[in-house]
Amino acid sequence: MSLNSIEREILEKIAQNQLITKMELIKFLKNEKKVANAKGVLDSAIKSLSSNGFINIINPIGATCLVITQDGSKVLEE
């Protein structure tokens, strides 16, 4: 499975942080990547990455957080 560029960048950001909130990723997309519809783009990427088993969605602190899976780490190594 090949990732599009934004999915890869999101996956890399999750891998860097180990655990990241959805809000932090929205800020990352808006500020660093200059994505116009950051929430929509992120929701789509999360759905794709999650359905492929590259990330897990957890709610440890009441906020939606994302963590990378072993499969996600392997994809980044390719």
C-alpha atoms as a PDB file:
ATOM      1  CA  MET A   1       0.000   0.000   0.000  1.00  0.00           C
ATOM      2  CA  SER A   2       1.441   3.346  -0.938  1.00  0.00           C
ATOM      3  CA  LEU A   3       0.657   6.469   1.038  1.00  0.00           C
ATOM      4  CA  ASN A   4      -0.004   9.857  -0.456  1.00  0.00           C
ATOM      5  CA  SER A   5       2.369  12.619   0.631  1.00  0.00           C
ATOM      6  CA  ILE A   6       0.105  14.064   3.335  1.00  0.00           C
ATOM      7  CA  GLU A   7      -0.604  10.622   4.839  1.00  0.00           C
ATOM      8  CA  ARG A   8       3.141   9.930   4.959  1.00  0.00           C
ATOM      9  CA  GLU A   9       3.838  13.286   6.651  1.00  0.00           C
ATOM     10  CA  ILE A  10       1.098  12.666   9.222  1.00  0.00           C
ATOM     11  CA  LEU A  11       2.425   9.158   9.890  1.00  0.00           C
ATOM     12  CA  GLU A  12       5.959  10.549  10.294  1.00  0.00           C
ATOM     13  CA  LYS A  13       4.699  13.203  12.719  1.00  0.00           C
ATOM     14  CA  ILE A  14       2.878  10.559  14.791  1.00  0.00           C
ATOM     15  CA  ALA A  15       6.038   8.410  14.813  1.00  0.00           C
ATOM     16  CA  GLN A  16       8.167  11.354  15.986  1.00  0.00           C
ATOM     17  CA  ASN A  17       5.864  12.177  18.884  1.00  0.00           C
ATOM     18  CA  GLN A  18       4.924   8.593  19.844  1.00  0.00           C
ATOM     19  CA  LEU A  19       1.520   9.936  20.966  1.00  0.00           C
ATOM     20  CA  ILE A  20      -0.132  12.997  19.456  1.00  0.00           C
ATOM     21  CA  THR A  21      -3.563  14.581  19.733  1.00  0.00           C
ATOM     22  CA  LYS A  22      -5.775  15.282  16.771  1.00  0.00           C
ATOM     23  CA  MET A  23      -5.644  19.009  17.631  1.00  0.00           C
ATOM     24  CA  GLU A  24      -1.832  19.000  17.503  1.00  0.00           C
ATOM     25  CA  LEU A  25      -1.978  17.423  14.049  1.00  0.00           C
ATOM     26  CA  ILE A  26      -4.502  20.007  12.839  1.00  0.00           C
ATOM     27  CA  LYS A  27      -2.145  22.778  14.012  1.00  0.00           C
ATOM     28  CA  PHE A  28       0.780  21.024  12.296  1.00  0.00           C
ATOM     29  CA  LEU A  29      -1.129  20.843   9.011  1.00  0.00           C
ATOM     30  CA  LYS A  30      -2.341  24.451   9.190  1.00  0.00           C
ATOM     31  CA  ASN A  31       0.895  26.083  10.331  1.00  0.00           C
ATOM     32  CA  GLU A  32       3.706  23.963   8.895  1.00  0.00           C
ATOM     33  CA  LYS A  33       2.110  22.441   5.809  1.00  0.00           C
ATOM     34  CA  LYS A  34      -0.252  25.319   4.975  1.00  0.00           C
ATOM     35  CA  VAL A  35      -3.183  22.953   4.375  1.00  0.00           C
ATOM     36  CA  ALA A  36      -6.389  24.943   3.862  1.00  0.00           C
ATOM     37  CA  ASN A  37      -8.963  22.427   5.096  1.00  0.00           C
ATOM     38  CA  ALA A  38      -6.745  20.841   7.761  1.00  0.00           C
ATOM     39  CA  LYS A  39      -9.545  19.119   9.685  1.00  0.00           C
ATOM     40  CA  GLY A  40     -11.066  17.526   6.587  1.00  0.00           C
ATOM     41  CA  VAL A  41      -7.686  16.438   5.242  1.00  0.00           C
ATOM     42  CA  LEU A  42      -6.725  15.011   8.637  1.00  0.00           C
ATOM     43  CA  ASP A  43     -10.021  13.146   9.072  1.00  0.00           C
ATOM     44  CA  SER A  44      -9.567  11.548   5.657  1.00  0.00           C
ATOM     45  CA  ALA A  45      -5.935  10.617   6.363  1.00  0.00           C
ATOM     46  CA  ILE A  46      -6.790   9.192   9.798  1.00  0.00           C
ATOM     47  CA  LYS A  47      -9.534   7.053   8.268  1.00  0.00           C
ATOM     48  CA  SER A  48      -7.146   5.710   5.627  1.00  0.00           C
ATOM     49  CA  LEU A  49      -4.206   5.147   8.006  1.00  0.00           C
ATOM     50  CA  SER A  50      -6.433   3.516  10.611  1.00  0.00           C
ATOM     51  CA  SER A  51      -8.210   1.209   8.156  1.00  0.00           C
ATOM     52  CA  ASN A  52      -4.814   0.033   6.877  1.00  0.00           C
ATOM     53  CA  GLY A  53      -3.650  -0.692  10.427  1.00  0.00           C
ATOM     54  CA  PHE A  54      -0.886   1.937  10.428  1.00  0.00           C
ATOM     55  CA  ILE A  55      -2.229   3.890  13.416  1.00  0.00           C
ATOM     56  CA  ASN A  56      -4.456   3.293  16.425  1.00  0.00           C
ATOM     57  CA  ILE A  57      -6.898   5.832  17.799  1.00  0.00           C
ATOM     58  CA  ILE A  58      -7.013   6.033  21.596  1.00  0.00           C
ATOM     59  CA  ASN A  59      -8.633   8.324  24.154  1.00  0.00           C
ATOM     60  CA  PRO A  60      -6.380   8.169  27.247  1.00  0.00           C
ATOM     61  CA  ILE A  61      -6.847  11.761  28.404  1.00  0.00           C
ATOM     62  CA  GLY A  62     -10.292  12.571  27.096  1.00  0.00           C
ATOM     63  CA  ALA A  63      -8.849  13.843  23.826  1.00  0.00           C
ATOM     64  CA  THR A  64      -8.517  11.797  20.660  1.00  0.00           C
ATOM     65  CA  CYS A  65      -4.899  10.676  20.391  1.00  0.00           C
ATOM     66  CA  LEU A  66      -3.086   8.752  17.704  1.00  0.00           C
ATOM     67  CA  VAL A  67      -0.261   6.253  18.003  1.00  0.00           C
ATOM     68  CA  ILE A  68       1.680   4.478  15.275  1.00  0.00           C
ATOM     69  CA  THR A  69       1.516   0.686  14.982  1.00  0.00           C
ATOM     70  CA  GLN A  70       4.318  -1.719  14.058  1.00  0.00           C
ATOM     71  CA  ASP A  71       2.872  -1.904  10.546  1.00  0.00           C
ATOM     72  CA  GLY A  72       2.946   1.887  10.348  1.00  0.00           C
ATOM     73  CA  SER A  73       6.592   1.931  11.394  1.00  0.00           C
ATOM     74  CA  LYS A  74       7.431  -0.658   8.739  1.00  0.00           C
ATOM     75  CA  VAL A  75       5.777   1.448   6.025  1.00  0.00           C
ATOM     76  CA  LEU A  76       7.935   4.435   6.970  1.00  0.00           C
ATOM     77  CA  GLU A  77      11.069   2.311   6.713  1.00  0.00           C
ATOM     78  CA  GLU A  78      10.294   1.356   3.102  1.00  0.00           C
END
